Protein backbone atom coordinates (compact mmCIF):
# COMPACT_ATOMS: atom_id res chain seq x y z
CA MET A 1 -8.63 -2.50 6.88
CA LYS A 2 -7.84 -4.53 3.75
CA LYS A 3 -6.76 -1.33 1.96
CA HIS A 4 -4.30 -0.48 4.75
CA THR A 5 -2.90 -4.00 4.86
CA GLN A 6 -2.45 -3.98 1.08
CA LYS A 7 -0.63 -0.62 1.16
CA ILE A 8 1.69 -1.77 3.96
CA ALA A 9 2.34 -4.98 2.01
CA GLN A 10 3.25 -2.93 -1.09
CA ILE A 11 5.59 -0.75 0.96
CA THR A 12 7.12 -3.89 2.47
CA VAL A 13 7.72 -5.44 -0.96
CA ALA A 14 9.34 -2.23 -2.25
CA SER A 15 11.44 -1.99 0.90
CA LEU A 16 12.55 -5.60 0.64
CA ILE A 17 13.51 -5.20 -3.04
CA SER A 18 15.52 -2.04 -2.35
CA THR A 19 17.19 -3.63 0.69
CA ILE A 20 18.33 -6.57 -1.46
CA ILE A 21 19.64 -4.13 -4.09
CA TYR A 22 21.39 -2.13 -1.38
CA ILE A 23 23.05 -5.16 0.20
CA PHE A 24 24.24 -6.42 -3.19
CA THR A 25 25.49 -2.97 -4.23
CA ILE A 26 27.19 -2.16 -0.94
CA GLY A 27 28.95 -5.55 -1.08
CA ILE A 28 30.36 -4.81 -4.53
CA VAL A 29 31.29 -1.23 -3.66
CA SER A 30 33.04 -2.26 -0.43
CA MET A 31 35.05 -4.89 -2.31
CA LEU A 32 36.10 -2.28 -4.86
CA LEU A 33 36.99 0.28 -2.21
CA GLN A 34 38.97 -2.00 0.13
CA SER A 35 42.14 -0.22 -0.85
CA VAL A 36 40.65 3.11 0.26
CA ALA A 37 41.30 4.23 3.80
CA GLU A 38 38.84 3.03 6.44
CA ASP A 39 38.18 6.63 7.52
CA PHE A 40 36.78 7.44 4.07
CA MET A 41 34.14 4.71 4.33
CA ASN A 42 33.09 5.87 7.81
CA ALA A 43 32.80 9.54 6.89
CA SER A 44 29.42 11.05 7.67
CA GLY A 45 29.20 12.58 4.19
CA ILE A 46 29.44 9.13 2.61
CA LEU A 47 26.77 7.88 5.02
CA TRP A 48 24.48 10.76 4.01
CA ILE A 49 25.04 10.15 0.31
CA THR A 50 24.47 6.40 0.54
CA SER A 51 21.36 6.93 2.69
CA LEU A 52 19.91 9.41 0.19
CA LEU A 53 20.69 7.10 -2.73
CA PHE A 54 19.14 4.22 -0.83
CA VAL A 55 15.93 6.21 -0.35
CA VAL A 56 15.88 7.04 -4.09
CA VAL A 57 16.21 3.33 -4.89
CA PHE A 58 13.39 2.63 -2.44
CA SER A 59 11.27 5.36 -4.05
CA LEU A 60 11.79 3.91 -7.51
CA SER A 61 10.95 0.45 -6.21
CA LEU A 62 7.82 1.79 -4.50
CA ILE A 63 6.71 3.63 -7.65
CA ASN A 64 7.18 0.40 -9.58
CA THR A 65 5.27 -1.59 -6.98
CA LEU A 66 2.39 0.87 -6.64
CA TYR A 67 1.95 2.09 -10.19
CA ARG A 68 4.14 0.51 -12.80
CA LYS A 69 3.10 -3.12 -12.43
CA ASN A 70 -0.48 -2.38 -13.44
CA ASP A 71 0.29 0.71 -15.56
CA ASN A 72 -1.98 2.68 -13.26
CA GLY A 73 0.60 5.42 -12.77
CA GLU A 74 0.89 6.25 -16.45
CA LYS A 75 -2.91 6.38 -16.80
CA ILE A 76 -3.17 8.75 -13.84
CA ALA A 77 -0.34 10.92 -15.17
CA LEU A 78 -1.97 11.00 -18.62
CA GLU A 79 -5.16 12.28 -17.01
CA ASP A 80 -3.21 14.89 -15.04
CA TYR A 81 -1.44 16.14 -18.17
CA LYS A 82 -4.45 16.43 -20.49
CA THR A 83 -3.80 20.13 -20.93
CA GLY A 84 -0.03 19.70 -21.02
CA TYR A 85 2.84 19.11 -18.65
CA ILE A 86 2.42 21.14 -15.47
CA GLY A 87 6.08 21.23 -14.38
CA VAL A 88 7.92 19.43 -11.60
CA ILE A 89 7.00 21.87 -8.80
CA ASN A 90 3.28 21.86 -9.64
CA ASP A 91 3.41 18.10 -10.07
CA ILE A 92 4.96 17.72 -6.61
CA LYS A 93 2.12 19.85 -5.17
CA LEU A 94 -0.44 17.68 -6.95
CA LEU A 95 1.24 14.48 -5.82
CA PHE A 96 1.51 15.78 -2.25
CA LYS A 97 -2.28 16.16 -2.11
CA ARG A 98 -2.87 12.79 -3.70
CA GLU A 99 -0.18 10.82 -1.84
CA ILE A 100 -0.42 12.31 1.67
CA ASN A 101 -1.67 8.99 3.05
CA LEU A 102 1.70 7.45 2.13
CA LEU A 103 3.36 9.80 4.62
CA TYR A 104 1.07 8.42 7.32
CA TYR A 105 2.09 4.87 6.41
CA PHE A 106 5.77 5.85 6.53
CA LEU A 107 5.25 7.45 9.95
CA PHE A 108 3.29 4.42 11.19
CA ILE A 109 5.92 1.92 10.04
CA ASN A 110 8.80 3.99 11.41
CA GLY A 111 6.90 4.50 14.66
CA ALA A 112 6.51 0.74 15.02
CA CYS A 113 10.21 0.30 14.22
CA TRP A 114 11.15 2.88 16.85
CA ILE A 115 8.92 1.32 19.52
CA ILE A 116 10.32 -2.17 18.97
CA THR A 117 13.89 -0.83 18.85
CA TYR A 118 13.30 1.10 22.09
CA ILE A 119 11.85 -2.01 23.76
CA ASP A 120 14.97 -3.91 22.66
CA LYS A 121 17.14 -1.21 24.25
CA LEU A 122 15.17 -1.48 27.50
CA ILE A 123 15.32 -5.28 27.64
CA SER A 124 18.86 -5.77 26.40
CA ALA A 125 21.51 -3.96 24.43
CA LYS A 126 21.07 -6.35 21.50
CA LYS A 127 18.72 -6.13 18.55
CA THR A 128 16.50 -9.05 19.38
CA PHE A 129 13.00 -8.15 18.25
CA SER A 130 13.92 -5.16 16.13
CA ALA A 131 16.06 -7.23 13.75
CA ILE A 132 12.87 -8.17 11.91
CA PHE A 133 12.41 -4.50 10.99
CA LEU A 134 15.62 -4.48 8.95
CA ILE A 135 13.41 -4.97 5.90
CA TYR A 136 12.11 -1.44 6.57
CA TYR A 137 15.61 0.01 6.65
CA PRO A 138 14.97 2.12 3.51
CA LEU A 139 12.27 3.98 5.44
CA ASN A 140 14.44 4.69 8.45
CA CYS A 141 17.97 4.80 7.05
CA LEU A 142 17.90 8.60 7.19
CA SER A 143 17.17 8.44 10.92
CA VAL A 144 20.66 6.98 11.35
CA VAL A 145 22.31 10.14 10.03
CA LEU A 146 19.99 12.58 11.80
CA PRO A 147 20.58 13.78 15.37
CA THR A 148 19.20 11.43 18.02
CA TRP A 149 16.91 13.86 19.81
CA LEU A 150 14.41 12.50 22.31
CA ASN A 151 15.70 8.94 22.07
CA SER A 152 15.64 9.15 18.26
CA VAL A 153 11.88 9.84 18.06
CA LEU A 154 12.46 13.01 16.07
CA ALA A 155 15.06 11.30 13.90
CA TYR A 156 12.59 8.58 12.92
CA ALA A 157 9.82 11.14 12.31
CA LEU A 158 12.11 13.45 10.34
CA GLY A 159 13.48 10.45 8.45
CA SER A 160 9.93 9.53 7.44
CA ILE A 161 9.23 13.06 6.24
CA LEU A 162 12.50 13.23 4.28
CA CYS A 163 11.83 9.80 2.77
CA TYR A 164 8.37 11.00 1.72
CA ALA A 165 9.80 14.20 0.21
CA ILE A 166 12.38 12.22 -1.76
CA TYR A 167 9.62 9.86 -2.89
CA LEU A 168 7.53 12.82 -4.14
CA LEU A 169 10.48 14.33 -6.00
CA THR A 170 11.41 10.97 -7.53
CA TYR A 171 7.80 10.28 -8.54
CA ALA A 172 7.49 13.74 -10.13
CA LEU A 173 10.70 13.17 -12.12
CA VAL A 174 9.49 9.73 -13.23
CA ARG A 175 6.19 11.26 -14.36
CA LYS A 176 8.15 13.91 -16.28
CA LYS A 177 10.06 11.11 -18.00
CA TRP A 178 6.77 9.39 -18.85
CA HIS A 179 5.47 12.64 -20.33
CA LYS A 180 8.57 13.01 -22.50
CA LYS A 181 8.11 9.43 -23.70
CA TRP A 182 4.47 10.12 -24.65
CA THR A 183 5.26 13.33 -26.50
CA ALA A 184 8.08 11.58 -28.38
CA LYS A 185 5.63 8.85 -29.46
CA GLU A 186 3.10 11.42 -30.69
CA LYS A 187 5.62 13.10 -33.00
């Protein structure tokens, strides 16, 4: 139980950090783009792009929270690359096997967010209880741009899966960067 609580706490910290970055960034960008037409800011393509970028920021924050603070990630990657760099695709496959439990945490957190949001919809049209889950917005921001099938259940589930996929890709690219740094040091 302590392991699960610790992992959820780490995800929460990463989510909170990326939410703060997002709010600060979106504030600056909106001030810069005030002269641009309102329709441009509301375009679904812009929403998709900002949501994807937000998930990348969350992924980087999560990688930093899980692995970078204690240098555990570099040690693990060093062990994985003893025989040489295995490539991004093979690294994603390796990370998928190793990090599958993170997908379950994403699904669990988004499931809790959906349940509380649905309860809010049943009780009143306002976000009363679900406002507390705004700190998990990086995990479910993609559900906003996905179709709202079955009262958004599939959007939250698909959002979790997409967030996990982006996390894996980001983590594989970070590990590739680490490998380049190590090989540059050896030369």
